[in-house]
Amino acid sequence: MAFKPAPISTSFLVASLVGIIFSIFYIPQYSLSWAYAFGLVFICMLIASFISMTRATPDEQLLPRLRGKKIK
């Protein structure tokens, strides 16, 4: 079975970047273990979005937008 990445929206990338910044600067004031855990999750999200940007086909992402339009 071949590896086939799914296209992920850009809001997923933005959420991961905001989450990393939030977990690095704000959460360590309260708990370092929670900051590490949140940072690890958001870094995994960032890596997944990078894989999706480089490997997923853009046709799958544009398909819902093109269904209502007539293609020449």
N, C-alpha and C. Protein backbone atom coordinates (compact mmCIF):
# COMPACT_ATOMS: atom_id res chain seq x y z
N MET A 1 0.85 -1.18 0.00
CA MET A 1 0.00 0.00 0.00
C MET A 1 0.89 1.24 0.00
N ALA A 2 0.69 2.10 -0.96
CA ALA A 2 1.53 3.29 -1.11
C ALA A 2 1.06 4.42 -0.19
N PHE A 3 2.00 5.24 0.19
CA PHE A 3 1.71 6.41 1.03
C PHE A 3 1.09 7.49 0.15
N LYS A 4 -0.12 7.94 0.50
CA LYS A 4 -0.81 8.96 -0.27
C LYS A 4 -1.28 10.06 0.69
N PRO A 5 -0.57 11.17 0.76
CA PRO A 5 -0.96 12.24 1.68
C PRO A 5 -2.23 12.96 1.22
N ALA A 6 -3.02 13.37 2.19
CA ALA A 6 -4.24 14.11 1.89
C ALA A 6 -3.96 15.60 1.88
N PRO A 7 -4.66 16.36 1.06
CA PRO A 7 -4.47 17.82 1.09
C PRO A 7 -5.06 18.41 2.36
N ILE A 8 -4.30 19.26 3.01
CA ILE A 8 -4.73 19.92 4.25
C ILE A 8 -4.88 21.40 3.97
N SER A 9 -5.88 22.01 4.57
CA SER A 9 -6.16 23.43 4.32
C SER A 9 -5.08 24.31 4.96
N THR A 10 -5.01 25.53 4.49
CA THR A 10 -4.01 26.47 5.01
C THR A 10 -4.33 26.91 6.43
N SER A 11 -5.58 26.82 6.84
CA SER A 11 -5.93 27.18 8.22
C SER A 11 -5.31 26.20 9.20
N PHE A 12 -5.08 24.97 8.79
CA PHE A 12 -4.39 23.99 9.63
C PHE A 12 -2.94 24.43 9.88
N LEU A 13 -2.28 24.94 8.83
CA LEU A 13 -0.92 25.45 8.96
C LEU A 13 -0.88 26.66 9.88
N VAL A 14 -1.81 27.58 9.70
CA VAL A 14 -1.86 28.78 10.54
C VAL A 14 -2.12 28.41 11.99
N ALA A 15 -3.01 27.46 12.23
CA ALA A 15 -3.30 27.03 13.60
C ALA A 15 -2.08 26.41 14.25
N SER A 16 -1.31 25.65 13.49
CA SER A 16 -0.11 25.04 14.07
C SER A 16 0.95 26.10 14.39
N LEU A 17 1.10 27.08 13.53
CA LEU A 17 2.08 28.14 13.80
C LEU A 17 1.69 28.98 15.01
N VAL A 18 0.42 29.35 15.10
CA VAL A 18 -0.05 30.12 16.24
C VAL A 18 0.06 29.29 17.52
N GLY A 19 -0.25 28.01 17.43
CA GLY A 19 -0.14 27.13 18.59
C GLY A 19 1.29 26.97 19.08
N ILE A 20 2.24 26.87 18.16
CA ILE A 20 3.65 26.77 18.55
C ILE A 20 4.10 28.03 19.26
N ILE A 21 3.77 29.17 18.70
CA ILE A 21 4.15 30.44 19.33
C ILE A 21 3.51 30.58 20.70
N PHE A 22 2.25 30.22 20.79
CA PHE A 22 1.52 30.30 22.06
C PHE A 22 2.13 29.37 23.10
N SER A 23 2.48 28.15 22.69
CA SER A 23 3.02 27.18 23.64
C SER A 23 4.47 27.48 24.02
N ILE A 24 5.19 28.23 23.21
CA ILE A 24 6.57 28.58 23.56
C ILE A 24 6.62 29.79 24.48
N PHE A 25 5.79 30.78 24.24
CA PHE A 25 5.89 32.03 24.99
C PHE A 25 4.93 32.17 26.16
N TYR A 26 3.75 31.57 26.09
CA TYR A 26 2.74 31.83 27.11
C TYR A 26 2.59 30.70 28.13
N ILE A 27 2.56 29.46 27.68
CA ILE A 27 2.28 28.34 28.57
C ILE A 27 3.41 28.02 29.56
N PRO A 28 4.70 28.21 29.21
CA PRO A 28 5.75 27.88 30.19
C PRO A 28 5.67 28.68 31.50
N GLN A 29 4.96 29.78 31.51
CA GLN A 29 4.79 30.53 32.75
C GLN A 29 4.02 29.71 33.78
N TYR A 30 3.19 28.80 33.30
CA TYR A 30 2.33 28.02 34.19
C TYR A 30 2.85 26.60 34.41
N SER A 31 3.28 25.94 33.34
CA SER A 31 3.74 24.56 33.46
C SER A 31 4.64 24.21 32.28
N LEU A 32 5.85 23.77 32.58
CA LEU A 32 6.78 23.41 31.51
C LEU A 32 6.38 22.09 30.83
N SER A 33 5.82 21.17 31.59
CA SER A 33 5.43 19.90 30.98
C SER A 33 4.27 20.07 30.00
N TRP A 34 3.31 20.94 30.34
CA TRP A 34 2.22 21.22 29.41
C TRP A 34 2.72 21.98 28.19
N ALA A 35 3.65 22.87 28.37
CA ALA A 35 4.22 23.61 27.24
C ALA A 35 4.94 22.66 26.29
N TYR A 36 5.68 21.71 26.84
CA TYR A 36 6.36 20.73 26.02
C TYR A 36 5.35 19.87 25.26
N ALA A 37 4.30 19.43 25.94
CA ALA A 37 3.29 18.58 25.31
C ALA A 37 2.57 19.32 24.18
N PHE A 38 2.13 20.54 24.45
CA PHE A 38 1.46 21.31 23.41
C PHE A 38 2.41 21.63 22.25
N GLY A 39 3.64 21.96 22.57
CA GLY A 39 4.62 22.23 21.52
C GLY A 39 4.85 21.04 20.63
N LEU A 40 4.91 19.85 21.22
CA LEU A 40 5.10 18.63 20.45
C LEU A 40 3.92 18.37 19.51
N VAL A 41 2.72 18.57 20.00
CA VAL A 41 1.53 18.37 19.17
C VAL A 41 1.51 19.36 18.01
N PHE A 42 1.80 20.63 18.29
CA PHE A 42 1.75 21.63 17.23
C PHE A 42 2.90 21.47 16.23
N ILE A 43 4.03 20.96 16.67
CA ILE A 43 5.12 20.67 15.73
C ILE A 43 4.74 19.51 14.82
N CYS A 44 4.06 18.51 15.37
CA CYS A 44 3.56 17.41 14.52
C CYS A 44 2.55 17.91 13.50
N MET A 45 1.70 18.84 13.91
CA MET A 45 0.75 19.43 12.97
C MET A 45 1.48 20.20 11.87
N LEU A 46 2.54 20.92 12.23
CA LEU A 46 3.31 21.68 11.25
C LEU A 46 3.99 20.76 10.26
N ILE A 47 4.56 19.67 10.73
CA ILE A 47 5.21 18.70 9.84
C ILE A 47 4.18 18.09 8.89
N ALA A 48 2.99 17.77 9.40
CA ALA A 48 1.95 17.21 8.55
C ALA A 48 1.52 18.19 7.46
N SER A 49 1.44 19.46 7.81
CA SER A 49 1.06 20.45 6.79
C SER A 49 2.17 20.65 5.76
N PHE A 50 3.44 20.55 6.17
CA PHE A 50 4.54 20.63 5.20
C PHE A 50 4.51 19.43 4.25
N ILE A 51 4.25 18.24 4.77
CA ILE A 51 4.16 17.06 3.91
C ILE A 51 3.00 17.22 2.93
N SER A 52 1.90 17.75 3.41
CA SER A 52 0.74 17.95 2.55
C SER A 52 1.03 18.98 1.46
N MET A 53 1.79 20.01 1.79
CA MET A 53 2.11 21.04 0.78
C MET A 53 2.99 20.49 -0.32
N THR A 54 3.92 19.61 0.02
CA THR A 54 4.87 19.14 -0.98
C THR A 54 4.42 17.89 -1.71
N ARG A 55 3.59 17.06 -1.10
CA ARG A 55 3.27 15.77 -1.70
C ARG A 55 1.85 15.63 -2.21
N ALA A 56 0.88 16.32 -1.64
CA ALA A 56 -0.52 16.13 -2.03
C ALA A 56 -0.79 16.82 -3.37
N THR A 57 -1.73 16.26 -4.11
CA THR A 57 -2.07 16.86 -5.39
C THR A 57 -3.06 18.00 -5.18
N PRO A 58 -2.86 19.12 -5.85
CA PRO A 58 -3.77 20.25 -5.66
C PRO A 58 -5.14 20.02 -6.30
N ASP A 59 -5.24 19.08 -7.21
CA ASP A 59 -6.52 18.82 -7.85
C ASP A 59 -7.57 18.36 -6.84
N GLU A 60 -7.16 17.55 -5.86
CA GLU A 60 -8.10 17.08 -4.85
C GLU A 60 -8.60 18.22 -3.99
N GLN A 61 -7.76 19.21 -3.76
CA GLN A 61 -8.15 20.34 -2.94
C GLN A 61 -9.06 21.30 -3.70
N LEU A 62 -8.86 21.42 -5.00
CA LEU A 62 -9.68 22.32 -5.80
C LEU A 62 -10.96 21.68 -6.30
N LEU A 63 -11.09 20.38 -6.20
CA LEU A 63 -12.24 19.68 -6.74
C LEU A 63 -13.58 20.17 -6.20
N PRO A 64 -13.76 20.39 -4.88
CA PRO A 64 -15.07 20.89 -4.42
C PRO A 64 -15.44 22.25 -5.00
N ARG A 65 -14.46 23.10 -5.28
CA ARG A 65 -14.74 24.42 -5.85
C ARG A 65 -15.12 24.32 -7.31
N LEU A 66 -14.61 23.32 -8.00
CA LEU A 66 -14.85 23.19 -9.43
C LEU A 66 -16.12 22.43 -9.76
N ARG A 67 -16.74 21.79 -8.80
CA ARG A 67 -17.93 20.97 -9.08
C ARG A 67 -19.09 21.81 -9.59
N GLY A 68 -19.23 23.03 -9.10
CA GLY A 68 -20.34 23.85 -9.53
C GLY A 68 -20.07 24.60 -10.83
N LYS A 69 -18.84 24.59 -11.32
CA LYS A 69 -18.48 25.33 -12.52
C LYS A 69 -18.31 24.39 -13.70
N LYS A 70 -18.59 24.90 -14.86
CA LYS A 70 -18.42 24.12 -16.08
C LYS A 70 -16.96 24.26 -16.55
N ILE A 71 -16.31 23.14 -16.73
CA ILE A 71 -14.90 23.14 -17.15
C ILE A 71 -14.86 23.01 -18.68
N LYS A 72 -14.07 23.88 -19.31
CA LYS A 72 -13.96 23.87 -20.79
C LYS A 72 -12.99 22.84 -21.25
